[in-house]
Structures are given as structure tokens and as C-alpha cells.
Amino acid sequence: MLRKAVLTILAIGAAPISAAHAEWIEGSSKHFVVYADDSPAHVKEMTSNLERFDKAVRTVLKLKEPDVSPEARVTVFVLPSIDDVQKMLGARGKNVAGYYRNDGPAPIAFVPKNSGNDSSQTPATILRHEYTHHVMRSSWGDVTFPTWFSEGFAELFATAKSTSDGGIIIGAVPLYRAYGIDRMNDMPIERLTSGPPNYKDALQGQEFYGRAWLLTHYLIFDKDRAKQLADYISAINAGKPAKEAEALLGLNSTLDLKMNGYGARRTLPSAALSASQLPIGEVSTRPLTPGEAATISVQMRSKNGVDQKLAQEVVAQARTAAAPFPNDPAAQNELAEAEYDAGNYAASEAAADRALAANPKSVHALVYKGMAQGTIAEKAGVTDPAVWTAVRRWYLAANKLEPLYAYPVQLYYESFLAAKQVPTRAAKDALLYGYQLAPQNLTIRQEAARILIDDGKLKAARIALEPIAFDEDPSPLVDAAKKAIAALDANDGAAALEALKPAPPEKPGDKPGEKKKS
């Protein structure tokens, strides 16, 4: 299956986003929710192009069309400029033009409306790159890809072009990476394949992404080399030593010269899909309600992640923004989230109650009602089963409304840990189901691994942990996964469970199942 996936990597496109100013508009489709301060026509075009992009990727890779909960769609926030995108990441935002996050209840992406001075790297290009990562992680969640291939693959799709008749062509050169494409002396193959670049070094980043794109293009568009690529990735996932895996692909100094020769051709291979192969479903747009528009900035900041200090700033903003809209479910939902992040759990529950009074079917409000009650009980050391049963009813209600949304079942499972109770078999099975729904969520993967180890399924647990261990963003989650894998390789399930012990009680600013970042 892995080889087939790698061998069939091809196809997609989307048009650049116009900079026309209007009001905040929501674009809605099967796989996406797009928020932009733009005209309805432009937001609909962007959302439609994203759906067409998704269809092309899945068609070419022969991926089954997934059933998607509306709550689990990718939410795309379109900000005015690259500077605004970088501010969302704070100190980590230097040299970032757009980004995607999968460590929360649902995937999110931030992209700029205007791309600055480099017109070749359009907002659409950035968004295609980020969404390609999402497809990889959600469709091949149990497959570990080296960083160079993950980024080169995303760049391969990023330059997809739409044709006048509605088709899509992939394979174009990313001109915004032109500086780095032939820099084999600065980014030789052994450096390229050894790990991620120093993202704070703009030139090194250009070299890494340029060479990663070239190597990926070179390998994929050649039938024989595509087979070698599949063997290489399979070897990595089988736990083979790096040198053994690299030998399968012929990763040596002569490959640098071959890559440069390939990249110097006047034309490079490409692949195309016709319009008839890319049908998409309904795409709608609507202006945000006054309450939604007033709290859109709060929503972005909360979903992006807060630390304790930032949580206090965001909740103050949320209170001011939501105050004129006590009966608007969206405004009260944003307030409930901000109050929770700031550690004000009773206030969070009160806001969730107002949201539920306005919309009893608000999944977000049901979830925060349960989270607020559960955290209050946990901090008070409550062990009364009746109290925790009442907490879980909110998660079960959310799950009943949106059975394909992983977050409520994750919270249901985690409530047993918070109550210091042994999770029931039903809770464990629910979490494992959530793992299948959201394989891109690393926290769910870790929790699934613990259950699988308990069940004696050590090989399956190792598969669950591998993408965490290879994640390029250092974190306690990554360290724990590496230690657990080492224990599993020694057939020591007990040591693996010890390495994966649940984290200590979370501080305000963290949510169950989600490690917030500033």
C-alpha cells in the first residue's frame, strides 16, 4: 500500500487570491472552512479551488474519499500579509510565510492575502503546500516520511496550475525557490537527507526547500526511481538503519550532479488531470454575523494557541468583544474557550450555557461545558462517579451530534484519567476510533499507543508512535515517543508505558488533549 501511494503521487491547482476588500466572509465546503476579509466571490473561488485541489490529490493518489465531520474540517484563516502570519507564531514566525497546525481539536492553517514582494510565492501556493501536508498526515498517518521528502512533496503540489478548462497540472518549478534549487555545494545530499534545516537561517531554508523539491521531482517522475523511493520509505518505516535505507535510493554524492543535470533541462515532466476528473460538491459563502465578526480575532488567537500570559490578554479581548452579544452562540463560544484557556472554568461554563441556550446543538459549547465541569472536578479532587458520569454526558451528547469528530471521544477517554479511574473498555475503544478519525493528531496517537501496549499489541503501538518520534518540532511528546519506541524494540512493554505516562496536571492555557503553543 505504501509503495502504491508513493508511486502514484501526482496532481492539482488553485488560482491566486485577489486582494479585493469587503467584510469578513466564511467559505464552507465538505473539507474546508475559510475565513477572509474579502469579497464573497473571492472567498468562494478560494474555497472551490481548495476542494478541487483536495479532489485532485485524492484522485491521483487513489485515496478513498473520507467522511468528514463539519467540526473536523480544515479551518483556513486568511490574514492581510505575511507579517500578520508571522506575528501569529511570535518568535518562531521568522521566515514563515504560512503554516498548518494539527495539534488541536481540528486542523488549522494561516495564510496571507498578500504575499509581499515575492509575487511567485502567492497565498494560493502557500496554502497548497500546507494542505498537502494535511493530506499526507491524515491519509498516511502511520507512515513516517523524512523531512526532505515531506517538504519536497508539498512543494511539488504547491506549484500546481489550473487550466482554462478547469483541469489541473502539477510539476512546475517553484520560482520562489530558484536560489536554492542548484545549490548542491551548500546543501549536498548528505545534509539534505540528515534532517530539517535551521529555519532561522533564511538562505539555508531556501537551499533545503529548493533541493528537496528537485530531488522529489526527480525521483517521482521517473518510474524506476519512484520504485526506489517507495523501497526507501518502506525501509525507514521498517526500522532499517539510515545507511541501509539510503543505499536503496542511491543517496550519494553523484546524485547531486544527476539532480543538477535533471533540473537544468529546458522542460521537466508534469502530470495533469482533466476537469471531468475533478467534480466538487457544494461550496457556499456567507457574511459573518455581527457576533462572529466581533470575535474573529479571538477565535484565531485561541485556535492558534496561548500560553498563560497570552491567555489573560485574549480573555480580556474576548470579554469586550462578546459583551454586546450575550445571545450569539458564536460569540459566547469564543468567550467560553478564552475563559477556559485563562483558567476561569466557572466563567467558561457560564458562557457555554449561554451558547447552548441560543443553540442547543452547538458541539463546541457541549464540549466546553464538559471540559469546564471536568476541570473543576479534577482540581477539587472529586472522585464521585456520579459527578464524572455527568461530565461525560456532555461529551457523549457532542459525539451523538458529530460521530465523526474525534475530539469528544478523546475527551471522554481522558476524563477517566482526570478522575483517576481506569478507563473502561468502551472508553478505550472510543479513543482508538478517534485515532482512526484523526491520525494526524499526535496526542491521540500517543494515547492510542498506551492502549495498544496495554492490549499487548506492541507492533501496532510502535507504528502509532513513529510519526511522533520523527516530528521535527522538539517537545516532551517527541522525547517520550522516542523512549517508548526504544523500550518496544527491546520488547519491554512496561518500560514503554512508563515512558508514556500521562503528563502532570495541566496549567491554565492548556486544554485536555492539546498542548498549546504561543
Foldseek 3Di string as FASTA:
>chain_A
DLLLLLLQQADAAADFADPAAAAWKWKDFQAETETDRHDFVRNLRLVLRVLLRVLTRCLSSVNDDDRDFSQAHEYEYEAAEQVVQLVLFPPVSPPPQKEWDQQDLYIYIYHYSAYPPPVLCGSQLNVQLHVLLVCCCLRVVLFDDAPLQNLLSSNQRSNWHADPQGKIKTDDQSVVLVLQQLPCVLCPLVNLRPHDDDSNDNSRNSNNNNPSNLVSLVQNVDNVSSSLVSQLSVCVSVVHDNVVSCVSNVRDRVVSVVSNVQVPDPDGDMDMDGNVSRDGDDMDMDHDDQLCSLCVVLVSSLVQFDDQVVLVVSLVSLCVSCVVPLQALNSLLSNLSSCQLNVNLVSSLVSLVSSCVNPVLPLSSLLSNLQSQLVVCLVVLHQPVVSLVVSLVSLVSSCVSGVLRLVSLLVSLVSCVSSVHDGDPVSLVSLVSSCSSRSSHLLSLLVNLLVCLVVVNLVVSLSSLVNLCSDNDDDLSNVLSVQLNVCVVVVNSVSNNVSSPDDPDDDRRAGVSGDGHD
